[in-house]
């Protein structure tokens, strides 16, 4: 679908056919890339007969012009593509194998071909990540820098060569530093506080309704764990960054900041 009035109305949905084999298992997680000629690059991935990333090249009307394989095999998912200039870009991927670290692939020809994925320094416990380029400081990357679990979500800065990684901010973390479960009563209180700090103030009387609908997959025998995952980040035309992520699968949390704040962190 597309909109030409800032999202007030949308065109009729049209299927994007990417495969002759029943067009199944083409999944989208990362943000699209706008090419200089008006075409679109869309990072996608597959979980059918393997786990691997691809880069779709679409024209301005959404027709598939070409696609290229970012990775092969059974252990890479959910690529996020960060352009460095009109020809070079980096794809960071979720690693589902035993290494439990970030995977990276590079292109030097605007996405036509990609390098063999390499394992990077930060931990990545089989979880999705998000990345974006900054005007002067390389990349910002939001990820769960943990060997196991997703009880902390962090923001890192790294150079374009992905050699030096600096932690900038823990976006969210469990009340227990090791991610161990807490009492369900305390869990409900913390979730309620977050609800009331956000849109809950605009919905008086809905707190109990909300608490009854929260995701309890992380609770067992009166104990609950915290999880923060699936980050997504963009940079607006005014230069402001907008980062959203899933907060315990019960809320979507939105954090925004600008380059002045980023300068102080770096």
C-alpha atoms as a PDB file:
ATOM      1  CA  UNK A   1       0.000   0.000   0.000  1.00  0.00           C
ATOM      2  CA  UNK A   2       1.076   3.606  -0.428  1.00  0.00           C
ATOM      3  CA  UNK A   3      -0.117   6.963   0.857  1.00  0.00           C
ATOM      4  CA  UNK A   4       0.383  10.409  -0.657  1.00  0.00           C
ATOM      5  CA  UNK A   5      -1.393  12.393   2.089  1.00  0.00           C
ATOM      6  CA  UNK A   6       0.760  11.650   5.147  1.00  0.00           C
ATOM      7  CA  UNK A   7      -1.070   8.452   5.990  1.00  0.00           C
ATOM      8  CA  UNK A   8      -4.656   9.750   6.073  1.00  0.00           C
ATOM      9  CA  UNK A   9      -5.641   7.388   3.273  1.00  0.00           C
ATOM     10  CA  UNK A  10      -4.033   4.379   1.607  1.00  0.00           C
ATOM     11  CA  UNK A  11      -4.164   2.653  -1.747  1.00  0.00           C
ATOM     12  CA  UNK A  12      -5.684  -0.774  -2.270  1.00  0.00           C
ATOM     13  CA  UNK A  13      -3.303  -3.496  -0.990  1.00  0.00           C
ATOM     14  CA  UNK A  14      -1.333  -5.216  -3.733  1.00  0.00           C
ATOM     15  CA  UNK A  15       0.584  -8.456  -3.273  1.00  0.00           C
ATOM     16  CA  UNK A  16       4.344  -8.227  -3.696  1.00  0.00           C
ATOM     17  CA  UNK A  17       5.339 -11.406  -5.535  1.00  0.00           C
ATOM     18  CA  UNK A  18       8.945 -12.339  -4.823  1.00  0.00           C
ATOM     19  CA  UNK A  19       9.057 -16.086  -5.433  1.00  0.00           C
ATOM     20  CA  UNK A  20       7.546 -18.485  -8.005  1.00  0.00           C
ATOM     21  CA  UNK A  21       7.161 -21.131  -5.273  1.00  0.00           C
ATOM     22  CA  UNK A  22       3.748 -20.133  -3.890  1.00  0.00           C
ATOM     23  CA  UNK A  23       5.285 -16.800  -2.829  1.00  0.00           C
ATOM     24  CA  UNK A  24       5.723 -18.034   0.748  1.00  0.00           C
ATOM     25  CA  UNK A  25       8.113 -17.138   3.565  1.00  0.00           C
ATOM     26  CA  UNK A  26       9.311 -13.726   2.397  1.00  0.00           C
ATOM     27  CA  UNK A  27       9.344 -11.848   5.711  1.00  0.00           C
ATOM     28  CA  UNK A  28      10.077  -8.176   6.426  1.00  0.00           C
ATOM     29  CA  UNK A  29      11.733  -6.832   9.553  1.00  0.00           C
ATOM     30  CA  UNK A  30      14.118  -3.991   8.603  1.00  0.00           C
ATOM     31  CA  UNK A  31      13.505  -0.502   7.221  1.00  0.00           C
ATOM     32  CA  UNK A  32      13.595   0.074   3.440  1.00  0.00           C
ATOM     33  CA  UNK A  33      16.450   1.933   1.767  1.00  0.00           C
ATOM     34  CA  UNK A  34      15.649   4.742  -0.695  1.00  0.00           C
ATOM     35  CA  UNK A  35      18.017   4.713  -3.686  1.00  0.00           C
ATOM     36  CA  UNK A  36      19.121   7.889  -5.462  1.00  0.00           C
ATOM     37  CA  UNK A  37      17.178   6.971  -8.636  1.00  0.00           C
ATOM     38  CA  UNK A  38      13.877   6.657  -6.742  1.00  0.00           C
ATOM     39  CA  UNK A  39      13.934   2.877  -6.499  1.00  0.00           C
ATOM     40  CA  UNK A  40      13.689   1.047  -3.173  1.00  0.00           C
ATOM     41  CA  UNK A  41      15.882  -1.522  -1.495  1.00  0.00           C
ATOM     42  CA  UNK A  42      14.037  -3.793   0.918  1.00  0.00           C
ATOM     43  CA  UNK A  43      15.871  -6.189   3.259  1.00  0.00           C
ATOM     44  CA  UNK A  44      13.867  -9.406   3.738  1.00  0.00           C
ATOM     45  CA  UNK A  45      14.525 -12.881   5.093  1.00  0.00           C
ATOM     46  CA  UNK A  46      13.309 -16.456   4.777  1.00  0.00           C
ATOM     47  CA  UNK A  47      12.558 -19.210   7.301  1.00  0.00           C
ATOM     48  CA  UNK A  48      11.525 -21.969   4.900  1.00  0.00           C
ATOM     49  CA  UNK A  49      14.076 -24.621   3.947  1.00  0.00           C
ATOM     50  CA  UNK A  50      16.751 -22.480   5.582  1.00  0.00           C
ATOM     51  CA  UNK A  51      17.255 -19.154   7.312  1.00  0.00           C
ATOM     52  CA  UNK A  52      18.871 -16.429   5.210  1.00  0.00           C
ATOM     53  CA  UNK A  53      18.591 -12.785   4.211  1.00  0.00           C
ATOM     54  CA  UNK A  54      17.916 -11.206   0.815  1.00  0.00           C
ATOM     55  CA  UNK A  55      17.838  -7.701  -0.628  1.00  0.00           C
ATOM     56  CA  UNK A  56      14.884  -6.871  -2.908  1.00  0.00           C
ATOM     57  CA  UNK A  57      15.297  -4.103  -5.490  1.00  0.00           C
ATOM     58  CA  UNK A  58      11.906  -2.513  -6.234  1.00  0.00           C
ATOM     59  CA  UNK A  59      10.939   0.292  -8.586  1.00  0.00           C
ATOM     60  CA  UNK A  60       9.062   3.333  -7.256  1.00  0.00           C
ATOM     61  CA  UNK A  61       5.746   1.558  -7.880  1.00  0.00           C
ATOM     62  CA  UNK A  62       6.737  -1.521  -5.871  1.00  0.00           C
ATOM     63  CA  UNK A  63       7.501  -3.911  -8.733  1.00  0.00           C
ATOM     64  CA  UNK A  64      10.379  -6.319  -8.169  1.00  0.00           C
ATOM     65  CA  UNK A  65      13.342  -5.486 -10.386  1.00  0.00           C
ATOM     66  CA  UNK A  66      15.859  -7.905  -8.883  1.00  0.00           C
ATOM     67  CA  UNK A  67      16.877  -9.642  -5.679  1.00  0.00           C
ATOM     68  CA  UNK A  68      20.218 -10.700  -4.256  1.00  0.00           C
ATOM     69  CA  UNK A  69      21.183 -13.080  -1.476  1.00  0.00           C
ATOM     70  CA  UNK A  70      22.747 -11.424   1.590  1.00  0.00           C
ATOM     71  CA  UNK A  71      23.463 -14.682   3.403  1.00  0.00           C
ATOM     72  CA  UNK A  72      23.061 -18.439   2.985  1.00  0.00           C
ATOM     73  CA  UNK A  73      22.366 -21.407   5.207  1.00  0.00           C
ATOM     74  CA  UNK A  74      20.268 -21.792   8.340  1.00  0.00           C
ATOM     75  CA  UNK A  75      21.578 -19.275  10.869  1.00  0.00           C
ATOM     76  CA  UNK A  76      20.936 -15.682   9.726  1.00  0.00           C
ATOM     77  CA  UNK A  77      17.716 -13.683   9.942  1.00  0.00           C
ATOM     78  CA  UNK A  78      16.170 -10.214   9.907  1.00  0.00           C
ATOM     79  CA  UNK A  79      18.792  -8.060   8.156  1.00  0.00           C
ATOM     80  CA  UNK A  80      18.858  -4.338   8.815  1.00  0.00           C
ATOM     81  CA  UNK A  81      20.669  -2.456   6.014  1.00  0.00           C
ATOM     82  CA  UNK A  82      22.600   0.762   6.698  1.00  0.00           C
ATOM     83  CA  UNK A  83      23.718   2.780   3.622  1.00  0.00           C
ATOM     84  CA  UNK A  84      27.149   4.430   3.879  1.00  0.00           C
ATOM     85  CA  UNK A  85      27.047   6.146   0.460  1.00  0.00           C
ATOM     86  CA  UNK A  86      25.402   5.528  -2.934  1.00  0.00           C
ATOM     87  CA  UNK A  87      27.287   2.252  -3.458  1.00  0.00           C
ATOM     88  CA  UNK A  88      28.332   0.916  -0.041  1.00  0.00           C
ATOM     89  CA  UNK A  89      26.108  -0.461   2.708  1.00  0.00           C
ATOM     90  CA  UNK A  90      26.288  -2.775   5.715  1.00  0.00           C
ATOM     91  CA  UNK A  91      23.731  -5.447   6.608  1.00  0.00           C
ATOM     92  CA  UNK A  92      23.604  -6.473  10.288  1.00  0.00           C
ATOM     93  CA  UNK A  93      21.755  -9.702  11.044  1.00  0.00           C
ATOM     94  CA  UNK A  94      20.378 -11.821  13.842  1.00  0.00           C
ATOM     95  CA  UNK A  95      22.460 -14.975  14.389  1.00  0.00           C
ATOM     96  CA  UNK A  96      20.461 -18.103  15.243  1.00  0.00           C
ATOM     97  CA  UNK A  97      23.487 -20.395  15.538  1.00  0.00           C
ATOM     98  CA  UNK A  98      25.843 -21.221  18.391  1.00  0.00           C
ATOM     99  CA  UNK A  99      28.080 -18.135  18.062  1.00  0.00           C
ATOM    100  CA  UNK A 100      25.436 -15.865  19.647  1.00  0.00           C
ATOM    101  CA  UNK A 101      26.996 -12.748  18.146  1.00  0.00           C
ATOM    102  CA  UNK A 102      26.088 -10.111  15.579  1.00  0.00           C
ATOM    103  CA  UNK A 103      26.510 -11.051  11.908  1.00  0.00           C
ATOM    104  CA  UNK A 104      27.523  -8.506   9.254  1.00  0.00           C
ATOM    105  CA  UNK A 105      27.686  -8.485   5.450  1.00  0.00           C
ATOM    106  CA  UNK A 106      28.777  -5.675   3.110  1.00  0.00           C
ATOM    107  CA  UNK A 107      27.976  -4.508  -0.395  1.00  0.00           C
ATOM    108  CA  UNK A 108      30.133  -2.298  -2.633  1.00  0.00           C
ATOM    109  CA  UNK A 109      27.707  -2.190  -5.603  1.00  0.00           C
ATOM    110  CA  UNK A 110      24.407  -0.863  -4.206  1.00  0.00           C
ATOM    111  CA  UNK A 111      23.142  -4.239  -3.055  1.00  0.00           C
ATOM    112  CA  UNK A 112      23.769  -6.338  -6.163  1.00  0.00           C
ATOM    113  CA  UNK A 113      26.295  -8.565  -4.376  1.00  0.00           C
ATOM    114  CA  UNK A 114      27.119  -9.070  -0.691  1.00  0.00           C
ATOM    115  CA  UNK A 115      30.191 -10.325   1.153  1.00  0.00           C
ATOM    116  CA  UNK A 116      30.227 -13.527   3.152  1.00  0.00           C
ATOM    117  CA  UNK A 117      28.758 -12.746   6.618  1.00  0.00           C
ATOM    118  CA  UNK A 118      31.276 -12.321   9.422  1.00  0.00           C
ATOM    119  CA  UNK A 119      30.799 -12.646  13.169  1.00  0.00           C
ATOM    120  CA  UNK A 120      31.326  -9.403  15.100  1.00  0.00           C
ATOM    121  CA  UNK A 121      32.263  -8.607  18.700  1.00  0.00           C
ATOM    122  CA  UNK A 122      28.922  -7.847  20.419  1.00  0.00           C
ATOM    123  CA  UNK A 123      26.817 -10.627  21.887  1.00  0.00           C
ATOM    124  CA  UNK A 124      23.473 -11.311  20.247  1.00  0.00           C
ATOM    125  CA  UNK A 125      21.343 -14.016  21.894  1.00  0.00           C
ATOM    126  CA  UNK A 126      19.372 -14.990  18.768  1.00  0.00           C
ATOM    127  CA  UNK A 127      17.571 -11.629  18.815  1.00  0.00           C
ATOM    128  CA  UNK A 128      16.732  -8.915  16.327  1.00  0.00           C
ATOM    129  CA  UNK A 129      18.673  -5.650  16.164  1.00  0.00           C
ATOM    130  CA  UNK A 130      18.314  -2.229  14.548  1.00  0.00           C
ATOM    131  CA  UNK A 131      20.944   0.125  13.149  1.00  0.00           C
ATOM    132  CA  UNK A 132      21.221   3.518  11.490  1.00  0.00           C
ATOM    133  CA  UNK A 133      24.020   5.761  10.193  1.00  0.00           C
ATOM    134  CA  UNK A 134      24.820   9.074  11.865  1.00  0.00           C
ATOM    135  CA  UNK A 135      26.183  12.149  10.057  1.00  0.00           C
ATOM    136  CA  UNK A 136      29.616  12.065  11.723  1.00  0.00           C
ATOM    137  CA  UNK A 137      29.956   9.092  14.038  1.00  0.00           C
ATOM    138  CA  UNK A 138      29.439   5.887  12.087  1.00  0.00           C
ATOM    139  CA  UNK A 139      26.531   3.704  13.200  1.00  0.00           C
ATOM    140  CA  UNK A 140      24.088   3.484  16.078  1.00  0.00           C
ATOM    141  CA  UNK A 141      23.003  -0.072  16.924  1.00  0.00           C
ATOM    142  CA  UNK A 142      20.244  -1.165  19.321  1.00  0.00           C
ATOM    143  CA  UNK A 143      20.633  -4.769  20.475  1.00  0.00           C
ATOM    144  CA  UNK A 144      20.462  -7.227  23.362  1.00  0.00           C
ATOM    145  CA  UNK A 145      24.162  -7.461  24.212  1.00  0.00           C
ATOM    146  CA  UNK A 146      23.705 -10.633  26.277  1.00  0.00           C
ATOM    147  CA  UNK A 147      24.750 -14.254  25.943  1.00  0.00           C
ATOM    148  CA  UNK A 148      21.301 -15.455  26.982  1.00  0.00           C
ATOM    149  CA  UNK A 149      17.909 -13.784  27.301  1.00  0.00           C
ATOM    150  CA  UNK A 150      16.607 -10.362  26.315  1.00  0.00           C
ATOM    151  CA  UNK A 151      16.336  -8.720  29.722  1.00  0.00           C
ATOM    152  CA  UNK A 152      18.465  -5.730  28.704  1.00  0.00           C
ATOM    153  CA  UNK A 153      18.321  -3.636  25.516  1.00  0.00           C
ATOM    154  CA  UNK A 154      21.310  -1.379  24.852  1.00  0.00           C
ATOM    155  CA  UNK A 155      22.312   1.362  22.416  1.00  0.00           C
ATOM    156  CA  UNK A 156      25.845   1.162  20.998  1.00  0.00           C
ATOM    157  CA  UNK A 157      27.947   3.338  18.727  1.00  0.00           C
ATOM    158  CA  UNK A 158      30.430   1.845  16.267  1.00  0.00           C
ATOM    159  CA  UNK A 159      32.680   3.016  13.445  1.00  0.00           C
ATOM    160  CA  UNK A 160      31.816   2.186   9.791  1.00  0.00           C
ATOM    161  CA  UNK A 161      34.430  -0.603   9.868  1.00  0.00           C
ATOM    162  CA  UNK A 162      32.569  -2.184  12.837  1.00  0.00           C
ATOM    163  CA  UNK A 163      35.837  -2.526  14.751  1.00  0.00           C
ATOM    164  CA  UNK A 164      35.218  -0.316  17.800  1.00  0.00           C
ATOM    165  CA  UNK A 165      31.990  -0.672  19.793  1.00  0.00           C
ATOM    166  CA  UNK A 166      31.049   1.750  22.564  1.00  0.00           C
ATOM    167  CA  UNK A 167      28.026   1.317  24.879  1.00  0.00           C
ATOM    168  CA  UNK A 168      26.053   4.570  24.991  1.00  0.00           C
ATOM    169  CA  UNK A 169      22.944   3.776  26.999  1.00  0.00           C
ATOM    170  CA  UNK A 170      20.970   0.898  28.477  1.00  0.00           C
ATOM    171  CA  UNK A 171      17.543   1.634  27.013  1.00  0.00           C
ATOM    172  CA  UNK A 172      15.799  -0.778  29.383  1.00  0.00           C
ATOM    173  CA  UNK A 173      16.835  -3.516  31.773  1.00  0.00           C
ATOM    174  CA  UNK A 174      15.260  -5.938  34.208  1.00  0.00           C
ATOM    175  CA  UNK A 175      15.005  -4.907  37.875  1.00  0.00           C
ATOM    176  CA  UNK A 176      17.204  -7.965  38.496  1.00  0.00           C
ATOM    177  CA  UNK A 177      20.671  -7.412  37.033  1.00  0.00           C
ATOM    178  CA  UNK A 178      20.948 -11.071  36.046  1.00  0.00           C
ATOM    179  CA  UNK A 179      17.482 -11.189  34.504  1.00  0.00           C
ATOM    180  CA  UNK A 180      16.054 -13.538  37.107  1.00  0.00           C
ATOM    181  CA  UNK A 181      12.256 -13.600  37.581  1.00  0.00           C
ATOM    182  CA  UNK A 182      10.586 -11.348  40.154  1.00  0.00           C
ATOM    183  CA  UNK A 183       7.349 -11.724  42.109  1.00  0.00           C
ATOM    184  CA  UNK A 184       4.244 -11.340  39.934  1.00  0.00           C
ATOM    185  CA  UNK A 185       2.847  -8.634  42.223  1.00  0.00           C
ATOM    186  CA  UNK A 186       5.989  -6.538  41.695  1.00  0.00           C
ATOM    187  CA  UNK A 187       5.850  -7.284  37.983  1.00  0.00           C
ATOM    188  CA  UNK A 188       2.275  -5.991  37.728  1.00  0.00           C
ATOM    189  CA  UNK A 189       3.204  -2.860  39.671  1.00  0.00           C
ATOM    190  CA  UNK A 190       6.111  -2.059  37.337  1.00  0.00           C
ATOM    191  CA  UNK A 191       4.006  -2.684  34.222  1.00  0.00           C
ATOM    192  CA  UNK A 192       1.267  -0.435  35.661  1.00  0.00           C
ATOM    193  CA  UNK A 193       3.774   2.363  36.307  1.00  0.00           C
ATOM    194  CA  UNK A 194       4.948   2.238  32.696  1.00  0.00           C
ATOM    195  CA  UNK A 195       1.352   2.242  31.442  1.00  0.00           C
ATOM    196  CA  UNK A 196       0.453   5.290  33.528  1.00  0.00           C
ATOM    197  CA  UNK A 197       3.593   7.152  32.416  1.00  0.00           C
ATOM    198  CA  UNK A 198       2.616   6.702  28.780  1.00  0.00           C
ATOM    199  CA  UNK A 199      -0.788   6.711  27.091  1.00  0.00           C
ATOM    200  CA  UNK A 200      -2.411   5.470  30.275  1.00  0.00           C
ATOM    201  CA  UNK A 201      -2.778   9.083  31.412  1.00  0.00           C
ATOM    202  CA  UNK A 202      -5.107   9.603  28.448  1.00  0.00           C
ATOM    203  CA  UNK A 203      -7.210   6.562  29.308  1.00  0.00           C
ATOM    204  CA  UNK A 204      -8.357   6.924  32.940  1.00  0.00           C
ATOM    205  CA  UNK A 205     -10.023   3.841  34.348  1.00  0.00           C
ATOM    206  CA  UNK A 206      -8.411   1.493  31.819  1.00  0.00           C
ATOM    207  CA  UNK A 207      -5.496   0.365  33.981  1.00  0.00           C
ATOM    208  CA  UNK A 208      -7.170  -2.811  35.241  1.00  0.00           C
ATOM    209  CA  UNK A 209      -8.396  -3.622  31.760  1.00  0.00           C
ATOM    210  CA  UNK A 210      -4.864  -3.229  30.477  1.00  0.00           C
ATOM    211  CA  UNK A 211      -3.325  -5.335  33.258  1.00  0.00           C
ATOM    212  CA  UNK A 212      -5.760  -8.140  32.526  1.00  0.00           C
ATOM    213  CA  UNK A 213      -4.627  -8.195  28.895  1.00  0.00           C
ATOM    214  CA  UNK A 214      -0.843  -8.103  29.355  1.00  0.00           C
ATOM    215  CA  UNK A 215       1.221 -10.941  27.958  1.00  0.00           C
ATOM    216  CA  UNK A 216       1.820 -13.544  30.667  1.00  0.00           C
ATOM    217  CA  UNK A 217       4.059 -15.835  28.628  1.00  0.00           C
ATOM    218  CA  UNK A 218       6.938 -14.651  30.804  1.00  0.00           C
ATOM    219  CA  UNK A 219       5.240 -15.605  34.064  1.00  0.00           C
ATOM    220  CA  UNK A 220       5.271 -19.011  35.735  1.00  0.00           C
ATOM    221  CA  UNK A 221       4.407 -20.088  39.288  1.00  0.00           C
ATOM    222  CA  UNK A 222       4.025 -16.512  40.497  1.00  0.00           C
ATOM    223  CA  UNK A 223       7.351 -15.351  39.017  1.00  0.00           C
ATOM    224  CA  UNK A 224       7.760 -13.093  35.938  1.00  0.00           C
ATOM    225  CA  UNK A 225      10.693 -12.246  33.682  1.00  0.00           C
ATOM    226  CA  UNK A 226      11.312  -9.072  31.680  1.00  0.00           C
ATOM    227  CA  UNK A 227      12.130  -8.918  27.986  1.00  0.00           C
ATOM    228  CA  UNK A 228      12.897  -5.987  25.685  1.00  0.00           C
ATOM    229  CA  UNK A 229      13.295  -6.753  21.991  1.00  0.00           C
ATOM    230  CA  UNK A 230      12.561  -6.032  18.326  1.00  0.00           C
ATOM    231  CA  UNK A 231      14.017  -2.506  18.118  1.00  0.00           C
ATOM    232  CA  UNK A 232      13.397  -0.313  15.056  1.00  0.00           C
ATOM    233  CA  UNK A 233      15.020   3.086  14.417  1.00  0.00           C
ATOM    234  CA  UNK A 234      14.654   5.889  11.875  1.00  0.00           C
ATOM    235  CA  UNK A 235      15.999   9.457  11.561  1.00  0.00           C
ATOM    236  CA  UNK A 236      13.476  12.155  10.698  1.00  0.00           C
ATOM    237  CA  UNK A 237      13.927  14.998   8.232  1.00  0.00           C
ATOM    238  CA  UNK A 238      14.618  17.307  11.198  1.00  0.00           C
ATOM    239  CA  UNK A 239      17.555  15.116  12.269  1.00  0.00           C
ATOM    240  CA  UNK A 240      15.788  13.620  15.268  1.00  0.00           C
ATOM    241  CA  UNK A 241      16.145   9.889  15.912  1.00  0.00           C
ATOM    242  CA  UNK A 242      13.104   7.774  16.772  1.00  0.00           C
ATOM    243  CA  UNK A 243      13.650   4.354  18.330  1.00  0.00           C
ATOM    244  CA  UNK A 244      10.817   1.984  19.230  1.00  0.00           C
ATOM    245  CA  UNK A 245      10.891  -1.502  20.736  1.00  0.00           C
ATOM    246  CA  UNK A 246       8.691  -4.107  22.380  1.00  0.00           C
ATOM    247  CA  UNK A 247       8.460  -3.714  26.161  1.00  0.00           C
ATOM    248  CA  UNK A 248       7.595  -7.144  27.598  1.00  0.00           C
ATOM    249  CA  UNK A 249       5.315  -7.745  24.604  1.00  0.00           C
ATOM    250  CA  UNK A 250       2.803  -5.537  26.447  1.00  0.00           C
ATOM    251  CA  UNK A 251       3.801  -2.018  25.389  1.00  0.00           C
ATOM    252  CA  UNK A 252       5.654  -0.412  22.511  1.00  0.00           C
ATOM    253  CA  UNK A 253       8.133   2.071  23.931  1.00  0.00           C
ATOM    254  CA  UNK A 254       9.251   5.137  21.951  1.00  0.00           C
ATOM    255  CA  UNK A 255      12.479   7.035  22.659  1.00  0.00           C
ATOM    256  CA  UNK A 256      13.641  10.045  20.668  1.00  0.00           C
ATOM    257  CA  UNK A 257      16.889  12.030  20.786  1.00  0.00           C
ATOM    258  CA  UNK A 258      18.938  14.367  18.618  1.00  0.00           C
ATOM    259  CA  UNK A 259      22.575  14.754  17.576  1.00  0.00           C
ATOM    260  CA  UNK A 260      23.294  17.135  20.468  1.00  0.00           C
ATOM    261  CA  UNK A 261      22.392  14.383  22.963  1.00  0.00           C
ATOM    262  CA  UNK A 262      24.398  11.898  20.927  1.00  0.00           C
ATOM    263  CA  UNK A 263      27.463  14.160  21.066  1.00  0.00           C
ATOM    264  CA  UNK A 264      27.355  14.157  24.866  1.00  0.00           C
ATOM    265  CA  UNK A 265      27.189  10.352  24.965  1.00  0.00           C
ATOM    266  CA  UNK A 266      30.117   9.942  22.571  1.00  0.00           C
END
